C-alpha cells in the first residue's frame, strides 16, 4: 500500500476513534506517526526560530494533534507578536504564520522606548538596534505598569504609522511628531532643514508631496531663509511661514 494512502486511512481511522472515546483518542494521537518532526515558520524578522518553538513548547513528544488555539494564544502573548496562526500539515508538520510588531516611533518614558502603530511598547533596545525613528511628543506618561501609551498618544502613534505607509521618504526626514494647535492637527518636525509641517489627521501622500514642493520652491526663491512652517491644514492651499506661529500646541 502506498505511503500517502496509509496516511489518509490512518487519519480517517483516527477521526473515528476520536469520537469513540477519549482514552482511545489519547492513545492513538500519541502514535509515532503524528509526532511533530517539522515546524515551518513564516514571518520571522526580529524573533528567531528557537524562541517560537520555546513559546509553543514543542518537544520530541509533541504531536500535530495539540491544541491549535492554545499554541496561537501562547504566541500572541509575546509583546513582539501581533498575530499568530498555526495549522496542521499531516502527518508530522506544523505550519506557523506570524505577524511581528514593528516600531514606528520612540516615546520618552523618560528613556526612549520604541512603540508600534497601536502605541504598545516593544521590548527592543534602541541602543542595540539602529532605529531611525521620530520621537513622539507624548502628552502624559503611561499608567504605572501599563505597556500602552495613553489613548490620545496611541492615536498619534497610529498617525505616524499611517504617514510611514503613505510616504516613507517624508517620514525618514521627520525627527519629532507632536499634536498641533487643534485636536485634528499633527506637527511633523524635520531636523534638516529645520521645518515644521502642519498636517490634518489623515493627510494623503499627495498632500505631503505638495508640502515638499512648496518647501523646495521657497528655498529656491530665498536660499538664505529656510521657512519655519509649511502649513498643509487647509484644502487646496499651502501656507509658507517664516516663523513658528501656529506650529506648536496651545495650552
C-alpha atoms as a PDB file:
ATOM      1  CA  UNK A   1       0.000   0.000   0.000  1.00  0.00           C
ATOM      2  CA  UNK A   2       1.345   3.402  -0.914  1.00  0.00           C
ATOM      3  CA  UNK A   3       2.545   5.581   1.963  1.00  0.00           C
ATOM      4  CA  UNK A   4       0.173   8.504   1.280  1.00  0.00           C
ATOM      5  CA  UNK A   5      -2.816   6.135   1.174  1.00  0.00           C
ATOM      6  CA  UNK A   6      -1.798   4.667   4.518  1.00  0.00           C
ATOM      7  CA  UNK A   7      -1.613   8.141   5.992  1.00  0.00           C
ATOM      8  CA  UNK A   8      -5.077   9.066   4.736  1.00  0.00           C
ATOM      9  CA  UNK A   9      -6.598   5.834   6.016  1.00  0.00           C
ATOM     10  CA  UNK A  10      -4.833   6.270   9.341  1.00  0.00           C
ATOM     11  CA  UNK A  11      -6.167   9.797   9.696  1.00  0.00           C
ATOM     12  CA  UNK A  12      -9.720   8.712   8.886  1.00  0.00           C
ATOM     13  CA  UNK A  13      -9.433   5.898  11.429  1.00  0.00           C
ATOM     14  CA  UNK A  14      -8.128   8.348  13.985  1.00  0.00           C
ATOM     15  CA  UNK A  15     -11.098  10.642  13.452  1.00  0.00           C
ATOM     16  CA  UNK A  16     -13.471   7.765  14.041  1.00  0.00           C
ATOM     17  CA  UNK A  17     -11.693   6.618  17.155  1.00  0.00           C
ATOM     18  CA  UNK A  18     -11.668  10.163  18.483  1.00  0.00           C
ATOM     19  CA  UNK A  19     -15.461  10.157  18.607  1.00  0.00           C
ATOM     20  CA  UNK A  20     -15.453   6.706  20.176  1.00  0.00           C
ATOM     21  CA  UNK A  21     -13.784   7.642  23.429  1.00  0.00           C
ATOM     22  CA  UNK A  22     -11.226   9.986  24.936  1.00  0.00           C
ATOM     23  CA  UNK A  23      -8.932   7.191  26.119  1.00  0.00           C
ATOM     24  CA  UNK A  24      -8.693   5.633  22.678  1.00  0.00           C
ATOM     25  CA  UNK A  25      -8.187   9.042  21.102  1.00  0.00           C
ATOM     26  CA  UNK A  26      -5.389   9.869  23.537  1.00  0.00           C
ATOM     27  CA  UNK A  27      -3.622   6.593  22.806  1.00  0.00           C
ATOM     28  CA  UNK A  28      -3.869   6.962  19.039  1.00  0.00           C
ATOM     29  CA  UNK A  29      -2.754  10.600  18.929  1.00  0.00           C
ATOM     30  CA  UNK A  30       0.452   9.704  20.728  1.00  0.00           C
ATOM     31  CA  UNK A  31       1.481   7.361  17.910  1.00  0.00           C
ATOM     32  CA  UNK A  32       4.867   7.991  16.376  1.00  0.00           C
ATOM     33  CA  UNK A  33       3.163   8.667  13.039  1.00  0.00           C
ATOM     34  CA  UNK A  34       1.831  12.006  14.257  1.00  0.00           C
ATOM     35  CA  UNK A  35       4.754  13.296  16.293  1.00  0.00           C
ATOM     36  CA  UNK A  36       5.971  16.663  15.045  1.00  0.00           C
ATOM     37  CA  UNK A  37       9.183  16.416  13.056  1.00  0.00           C
ATOM     38  CA  UNK A  38       8.969  19.754  11.228  1.00  0.00           C
ATOM     39  CA  UNK A  39       7.708  23.216  12.149  1.00  0.00           C
ATOM     40  CA  UNK A  40       7.536  25.620   9.215  1.00  0.00           C
ATOM     41  CA  UNK A  41       7.557  29.221  10.385  1.00  0.00           C
ATOM     42  CA  UNK A  42       6.950  32.311   8.253  1.00  0.00           C
ATOM     43  CA  UNK A  43       7.020  35.977   9.240  1.00  0.00           C
ATOM     44  CA  UNK A  44      10.119  35.952  11.457  1.00  0.00           C
ATOM     45  CA  UNK A  45      12.084  39.203  11.433  1.00  0.00           C
ATOM     46  CA  UNK A  46      13.184  40.087  14.956  1.00  0.00           C
ATOM     47  CA  UNK A  47      12.444  36.843  16.757  1.00  0.00           C
ATOM     48  CA  UNK A  48      14.176  33.584  15.892  1.00  0.00           C
ATOM     49  CA  UNK A  49      13.019  30.029  15.367  1.00  0.00           C
ATOM     50  CA  UNK A  50      14.211  28.812  18.757  1.00  0.00           C
ATOM     51  CA  UNK A  51      12.117  31.440  20.564  1.00  0.00           C
ATOM     52  CA  UNK A  52       8.989  30.389  18.682  1.00  0.00           C
ATOM     53  CA  UNK A  53       9.474  26.693  19.440  1.00  0.00           C
ATOM     54  CA  UNK A  54      10.057  27.544  23.110  1.00  0.00           C
ATOM     55  CA  UNK A  55       6.870  29.622  23.246  1.00  0.00           C
ATOM     56  CA  UNK A  56       4.909  26.729  21.730  1.00  0.00           C
ATOM     57  CA  UNK A  57       6.696  24.211  23.985  1.00  0.00           C
ATOM     58  CA  UNK A  58       7.319  21.895  21.048  1.00  0.00           C
ATOM     59  CA  UNK A  59       9.350  18.837  22.067  1.00  0.00           C
ATOM     60  CA  UNK A  60      10.102  15.449  20.513  1.00  0.00           C
ATOM     61  CA  UNK A  61       6.941  14.177  22.224  1.00  0.00           C
ATOM     62  CA  UNK A  62       4.647  16.804  20.663  1.00  0.00           C
ATOM     63  CA  UNK A  63       2.076  15.566  18.144  1.00  0.00           C
ATOM     64  CA  UNK A  64       0.235  17.519  15.465  1.00  0.00           C
ATOM     65  CA  UNK A  65      -2.975  16.967  17.441  1.00  0.00           C
ATOM     66  CA  UNK A  66      -2.044  19.586  20.005  1.00  0.00           C
ATOM     67  CA  UNK A  67      -4.481  22.441  20.664  1.00  0.00           C
ATOM     68  CA  UNK A  68      -4.028  24.934  17.802  1.00  0.00           C
ATOM     69  CA  UNK A  69      -5.799  27.733  19.681  1.00  0.00           C
ATOM     70  CA  UNK A  70      -3.586  27.216  22.712  1.00  0.00           C
ATOM     71  CA  UNK A  71      -0.452  27.474  20.558  1.00  0.00           C
ATOM     72  CA  UNK A  72      -1.766  30.666  18.941  1.00  0.00           C
ATOM     73  CA  UNK A  73      -2.616  32.188  22.326  1.00  0.00           C
ATOM     74  CA  UNK A  74       0.849  31.397  23.686  1.00  0.00           C
ATOM     75  CA  UNK A  75       2.479  33.073  20.702  1.00  0.00           C
ATOM     76  CA  UNK A  76       0.256  36.163  20.735  1.00  0.00           C
ATOM     77  CA  UNK A  77       1.084  36.790  24.383  1.00  0.00           C
ATOM     78  CA  UNK A  78       4.600  37.694  23.278  1.00  0.00           C
ATOM     79  CA  UNK A  79       4.854  41.515  23.044  1.00  0.00           C
ATOM     80  CA  UNK A  80       6.554  41.348  19.642  1.00  0.00           C
ATOM     81  CA  UNK A  81       3.845  39.238  18.004  1.00  0.00           C
ATOM     82  CA  UNK A  82       0.681  40.874  16.727  1.00  0.00           C
ATOM     83  CA  UNK A  83      -0.847  37.763  15.170  1.00  0.00           C
ATOM     84  CA  UNK A  84      -0.184  34.029  15.017  1.00  0.00           C
ATOM     85  CA  UNK A  85      -1.883  31.264  13.050  1.00  0.00           C
ATOM     86  CA  UNK A  86      -0.999  27.591  13.497  1.00  0.00           C
ATOM     87  CA  UNK A  87      -2.256  24.754  11.268  1.00  0.00           C
ATOM     88  CA  UNK A  88      -1.523  21.103  10.764  1.00  0.00           C
ATOM     89  CA  UNK A  89       0.059  19.610   7.682  1.00  0.00           C
ATOM     90  CA  UNK A  90      -0.389  15.901   8.045  1.00  0.00           C
ATOM     91  CA  UNK A  91       1.130  13.762   9.248  1.00  0.00           C
ATOM     92  CA  UNK A  92       4.039  15.400  11.136  1.00  0.00           C
ATOM     93  CA  UNK A  93       4.253  19.102  10.283  1.00  0.00           C
ATOM     94  CA  UNK A  94       3.012  22.275  11.940  1.00  0.00           C
ATOM     95  CA  UNK A  95       2.788  25.445   9.855  1.00  0.00           C
ATOM     96  CA  UNK A  96       3.107  28.695  11.801  1.00  0.00           C
ATOM     97  CA  UNK A  97       2.311  32.066  10.187  1.00  0.00           C
ATOM     98  CA  UNK A  98       3.374  35.090  12.232  1.00  0.00           C
ATOM     99  CA  UNK A  99       2.932  38.847  12.035  1.00  0.00           C
ATOM    100  CA  UNK A 100       5.502  40.699  14.124  1.00  0.00           C
ATOM    101  CA  UNK A 101       5.025  44.127  15.630  1.00  0.00           C
ATOM    102  CA  UNK A 102       7.268  46.841  14.184  1.00  0.00           C
ATOM    103  CA  UNK A 103       8.454  50.018  15.907  1.00  0.00           C
ATOM    104  CA  UNK A 104       7.175  53.219  14.309  1.00  0.00           C
ATOM    105  CA  UNK A 105       8.391  55.810  16.827  1.00  0.00           C
ATOM    106  CA  UNK A 106      10.274  56.360  20.082  1.00  0.00           C
ATOM    107  CA  UNK A 107       8.409  57.528  23.163  1.00  0.00           C
ATOM    108  CA  UNK A 108      10.175  59.202  26.118  1.00  0.00           C
ATOM    109  CA  UNK A 109       9.197  57.418  29.355  1.00  0.00           C
ATOM    110  CA  UNK A 110      11.584  59.216  30.245  1.00  0.00           C
ATOM    111  CA  UNK A 111      14.063  56.951  28.446  1.00  0.00           C
ATOM    112  CA  UNK A 112      13.306  56.432  24.777  1.00  0.00           C
ATOM    113  CA  UNK A 113      11.316  53.259  24.156  1.00  0.00           C
ATOM    114  CA  UNK A 114      10.077  52.016  20.774  1.00  0.00           C
ATOM    115  CA  UNK A 115       6.322  51.758  20.244  1.00  0.00           C
ATOM    116  CA  UNK A 116       4.303  50.166  17.451  1.00  0.00           C
ATOM    117  CA  UNK A 117       1.345  51.545  15.499  1.00  0.00           C
ATOM    118  CA  UNK A 118      -1.014  50.600  18.339  1.00  0.00           C
ATOM    119  CA  UNK A 119       1.034  52.530  20.883  1.00  0.00           C
ATOM    120  CA  UNK A 120       2.333  49.340  22.525  1.00  0.00           C
ATOM    121  CA  UNK A 121       5.836  49.410  23.968  1.00  0.00           C
ATOM    122  CA  UNK A 122       8.163  46.889  22.357  1.00  0.00           C
ATOM    123  CA  UNK A 123      10.971  45.079  24.219  1.00  0.00           C
ATOM    124  CA  UNK A 124      13.667  46.329  21.863  1.00  0.00           C
ATOM    125  CA  UNK A 125      16.750  48.287  22.889  1.00  0.00           C
ATOM    126  CA  UNK A 126      17.289  51.301  20.606  1.00  0.00           C
ATOM    127  CA  UNK A 127      20.945  51.295  21.674  1.00  0.00           C
ATOM    128  CA  UNK A 128      21.429  47.809  20.242  1.00  0.00           C
ATOM    129  CA  UNK A 129      19.479  48.412  17.050  1.00  0.00           C
ATOM    130  CA  UNK A 130      19.760  51.294  14.664  1.00  0.00           C
ATOM    131  CA  UNK A 131      16.301  52.857  14.875  1.00  0.00           C
ATOM    132  CA  UNK A 132      15.956  55.914  12.685  1.00  0.00           C
ATOM    133  CA  UNK A 133      12.521  56.759  14.054  1.00  0.00           C
ATOM    134  CA  UNK A 134      10.786  60.000  15.026  1.00  0.00           C
ATOM    135  CA  UNK A 135      10.281  60.867  18.684  1.00  0.00           C
ATOM    136  CA  UNK A 136       6.680  61.171  19.880  1.00  0.00           C
ATOM    137  CA  UNK A 137       5.962  64.270  21.939  1.00  0.00           C
ATOM    138  CA  UNK A 138       3.662  62.402  24.324  1.00  0.00           C
ATOM    139  CA  UNK A 139       1.098  64.330  26.345  1.00  0.00           C
ATOM    140  CA  UNK A 140       1.294  62.240  29.508  1.00  0.00           C
ATOM    141  CA  UNK A 141       3.233  59.241  30.828  1.00  0.00           C
ATOM    142  CA  UNK A 142       1.674  55.763  30.606  1.00  0.00           C
ATOM    143  CA  UNK A 143      -0.203  54.445  33.609  1.00  0.00           C
ATOM    144  CA  UNK A 144       2.016  52.588  36.111  1.00  0.00           C
ATOM    145  CA  UNK A 145       2.655  49.072  34.871  1.00  0.00           C
ATOM    146  CA  UNK A 146       0.993  49.692  31.519  1.00  0.00           C
ATOM    147  CA  UNK A 147       2.712  48.706  28.287  1.00  0.00           C
ATOM    148  CA  UNK A 148       0.492  51.029  26.269  1.00  0.00           C
ATOM    149  CA  UNK A 149       0.606  54.761  25.655  1.00  0.00           C
ATOM    150  CA  UNK A 150      -2.390  56.791  26.858  1.00  0.00           C
ATOM    151  CA  UNK A 151      -5.283  56.897  24.388  1.00  0.00           C
ATOM    152  CA  UNK A 152      -4.513  60.245  22.724  1.00  0.00           C
ATOM    153  CA  UNK A 153      -0.858  59.356  22.250  1.00  0.00           C
ATOM    154  CA  UNK A 154      -1.863  55.998  20.749  1.00  0.00           C
ATOM    155  CA  UNK A 155      -3.719  57.979  18.114  1.00  0.00           C
ATOM    156  CA  UNK A 156      -0.513  59.902  17.439  1.00  0.00           C
ATOM    157  CA  UNK A 157       1.464  56.646  17.075  1.00  0.00           C
ATOM    158  CA  UNK A 158      -1.148  55.339  14.638  1.00  0.00           C
ATOM    159  CA  UNK A 159      -0.837  58.533  12.592  1.00  0.00           C
ATOM    160  CA  UNK A 160       2.950  58.140  12.416  1.00  0.00           C
ATOM    161  CA  UNK A 161       2.463  54.600  11.114  1.00  0.00           C
ATOM    162  CA  UNK A 162      -0.044  55.855   8.555  1.00  0.00           C
ATOM    163  CA  UNK A 163       2.365  58.560   7.381  1.00  0.00           C
ATOM    164  CA  UNK A 164       5.061  55.908   7.068  1.00  0.00           C
ATOM    165  CA  UNK A 165       2.768  53.869   4.838  1.00  0.00           C
ATOM    166  CA  UNK A 166       1.775  56.944   2.833  1.00  0.00           C
ATOM    167  CA  UNK A 167       5.296  58.243   2.150  1.00  0.00           C
ATOM    168  CA  UNK A 168       8.297  56.572   3.751  1.00  0.00           C
ATOM    169  CA  UNK A 169      10.737  59.134   2.329  1.00  0.00           C
ATOM    170  CA  UNK A 170       8.841  62.000   4.009  1.00  0.00           C
ATOM    171  CA  UNK A 171       8.833  60.314   7.390  1.00  0.00           C
ATOM    172  CA  UNK A 172      12.536  59.491   7.160  1.00  0.00           C
ATOM    173  CA  UNK A 173      13.172  63.237   7.380  1.00  0.00           C
ATOM    174  CA  UNK A 174      10.979  63.658  10.473  1.00  0.00           C
ATOM    175  CA  UNK A 175      12.718  63.914  13.852  1.00  0.00           C
ATOM    176  CA  UNK A 176       9.681  64.552  16.065  1.00  0.00           C
ATOM    177  CA  UNK A 177       5.906  64.281  15.853  1.00  0.00           C
ATOM    178  CA  UNK A 178       3.537  66.151  18.159  1.00  0.00           C
ATOM    179  CA  UNK A 179      -0.031  67.374  18.364  1.00  0.00           C
ATOM    180  CA  UNK A 180      -0.672  70.763  16.789  1.00  0.00           C
ATOM    181  CA  UNK A 181      -2.860  73.743  17.651  1.00  0.00           C
ATOM    182  CA  UNK A 182      -6.072  71.703  17.332  1.00  0.00           C
ATOM    183  CA  UNK A 183      -7.079  68.144  18.146  1.00  0.00           C
ATOM    184  CA  UNK A 184      -7.068  67.241  14.478  1.00  0.00           C
ATOM    185  CA  UNK A 185      -3.649  68.695  13.660  1.00  0.00           C
ATOM    186  CA  UNK A 186      -0.272  66.980  13.745  1.00  0.00           C
ATOM    187  CA  UNK A 187       3.146  68.649  13.598  1.00  0.00           C
ATOM    188  CA  UNK A 188       5.847  66.674  11.782  1.00  0.00           C
ATOM    189  CA  UNK A 189       9.188  68.332  12.517  1.00  0.00           C
ATOM    190  CA  UNK A 190      12.137  67.954  10.171  1.00  0.00           C
ATOM    191  CA  UNK A 191      15.582  68.453  11.678  1.00  0.00           C
ATOM    192  CA  UNK A 192      17.402  69.206   8.435  1.00  0.00           C
ATOM    193  CA  UNK A 193      16.266  71.608   7.183  1.00  0.00           C
ATOM    194  CA  UNK A 194      14.525  72.645  10.432  1.00  0.00           C
ATOM    195  CA  UNK A 195      10.914  72.902   9.240  1.00  0.00           C
ATOM    196  CA  UNK A 196       7.575  72.117  10.859  1.00  0.00           C
ATOM    197  CA  UNK A 197       4.901  70.573   8.640  1.00  0.00           C
ATOM    198  CA  UNK A 198       1.371  71.153   9.949  1.00  0.00           C
ATOM    199  CA  UNK A 199      -0.875  68.317   8.795  1.00  0.00           C
ATOM    200  CA  UNK A 200      -4.510  67.430   9.202  1.00  0.00           C
ATOM    201  CA  UNK A 201      -5.073  63.922  10.543  1.00  0.00           C
ATOM    202  CA  UNK A 202      -5.259  61.530   7.618  1.00  0.00           C
ATOM    203  CA  UNK A 203      -3.379  63.769   5.169  1.00  0.00           C
ATOM    204  CA  UNK A 204      -2.796  61.757   1.957  1.00  0.00           C
ATOM    205  CA  UNK A 205       0.565  61.185   0.305  1.00  0.00           C
ATOM    206  CA  UNK A 206      -0.293  63.745  -2.376  1.00  0.00           C
ATOM    207  CA  UNK A 207      -0.578  66.413   0.320  1.00  0.00           C
ATOM    208  CA  UNK A 208       2.857  65.545   1.648  1.00  0.00           C
ATOM    209  CA  UNK A 209       4.315  65.895  -1.834  1.00  0.00           C
ATOM    210  CA  UNK A 210       2.687  69.325  -2.174  1.00  0.00           C
ATOM    211  CA  UNK A 211       4.325  70.381   1.078  1.00  0.00           C
ATOM    212  CA  UNK A 212       7.764  69.219  -0.049  1.00  0.00           C
ATOM    213  CA  UNK A 213       7.298  71.006  -3.381  1.00  0.00           C
ATOM    214  CA  UNK A 214       6.331  74.217  -1.551  1.00  0.00           C
ATOM    215  CA  UNK A 215       9.421  73.952   0.653  1.00  0.00           C
ATOM    216  CA  UNK A 216      11.687  73.423  -2.356  1.00  0.00           C
ATOM    217  CA  UNK A 217      10.148  76.416  -4.135  1.00  0.00           C
ATOM    218  CA  UNK A 218      10.502  78.678  -1.082  1.00  0.00           C
ATOM    219  CA  UNK A 219      14.160  77.719  -0.628  1.00  0.00           C
ATOM    220  CA  UNK A 220      14.850  78.275  -4.318  1.00  0.00           C
ATOM    221  CA  UNK A 221      13.399  81.767  -4.064  1.00  0.00           C
ATOM    222  CA  UNK A 222      15.214  82.690  -0.847  1.00  0.00           C
ATOM    223  CA  UNK A 223      18.071  80.236  -0.215  1.00  0.00           C
ATOM    224  CA  UNK A 224      19.223  82.073   2.906  1.00  0.00           C
ATOM    225  CA  UNK A 225      15.846  81.926   4.625  1.00  0.00           C
ATOM    226  CA  UNK A 226      14.519  78.442   5.251  1.00  0.00           C
ATOM    227  CA  UNK A 227      10.759  78.542   6.017  1.00  0.00           C
ATOM    228  CA  UNK A 228       9.848  77.702   9.594  1.00  0.00           C
ATOM    229  CA  UNK A 229       6.410  76.235   8.865  1.00  0.00           C
ATOM    230  CA  UNK A 230       4.733  74.556   5.914  1.00  0.00           C
ATOM    231  CA  UNK A 231       1.032  74.592   6.759  1.00  0.00           C
ATOM    232  CA  UNK A 232      -0.954  71.914   4.924  1.00  0.00           C
ATOM    233  CA  UNK A 233      -4.106  72.014   7.023  1.00  0.00           C
ATOM    234  CA  UNK A 234      -6.251  73.866   4.520  1.00  0.00           C
ATOM    235  CA  UNK A 235      -7.643  72.233   1.390  1.00  0.00           C
ATOM    236  CA  UNK A 236      -6.220  73.354  -1.956  1.00  0.00           C
ATOM    237  CA  UNK A 237      -3.615  75.661  -0.482  1.00  0.00           C
ATOM    238  CA  UNK A 238      -0.198  75.571   1.138  1.00  0.00           C
ATOM    239  CA  UNK A 239       0.794  78.317   3.582  1.00  0.00           C
ATOM    240  CA  UNK A 240       4.517  79.013   3.964  1.00  0.00           C
ATOM    241  CA  UNK A 241       5.538  80.866   7.112  1.00  0.00           C
ATOM    242  CA  UNK A 242       8.881  82.297   8.168  1.00  0.00           C
ATOM    243  CA  UNK A 243       8.118  81.944  11.885  1.00  0.00           C
ATOM    244  CA  UNK A 244       6.668  79.181  14.064  1.00  0.00           C
ATOM    245  CA  UNK A 245       3.330  80.830  14.726  1.00  0.00           C
ATOM    246  CA  UNK A 246       0.662  78.133  14.895  1.00  0.00           C
ATOM    247  CA  UNK A 247       3.163  75.293  14.785  1.00  0.00           C
ATOM    248  CA  UNK A 248       3.065  74.300  18.439  1.00  0.00           C
ATOM    249  CA  UNK A 249       0.282  73.145  20.681  1.00  0.00           C
ATOM    250  CA  UNK A 250      -1.625  75.806  22.556  1.00  0.00           C
ATOM    251  CA  UNK A 251      -2.279  75.378  26.295  1.00  0.00           C
END
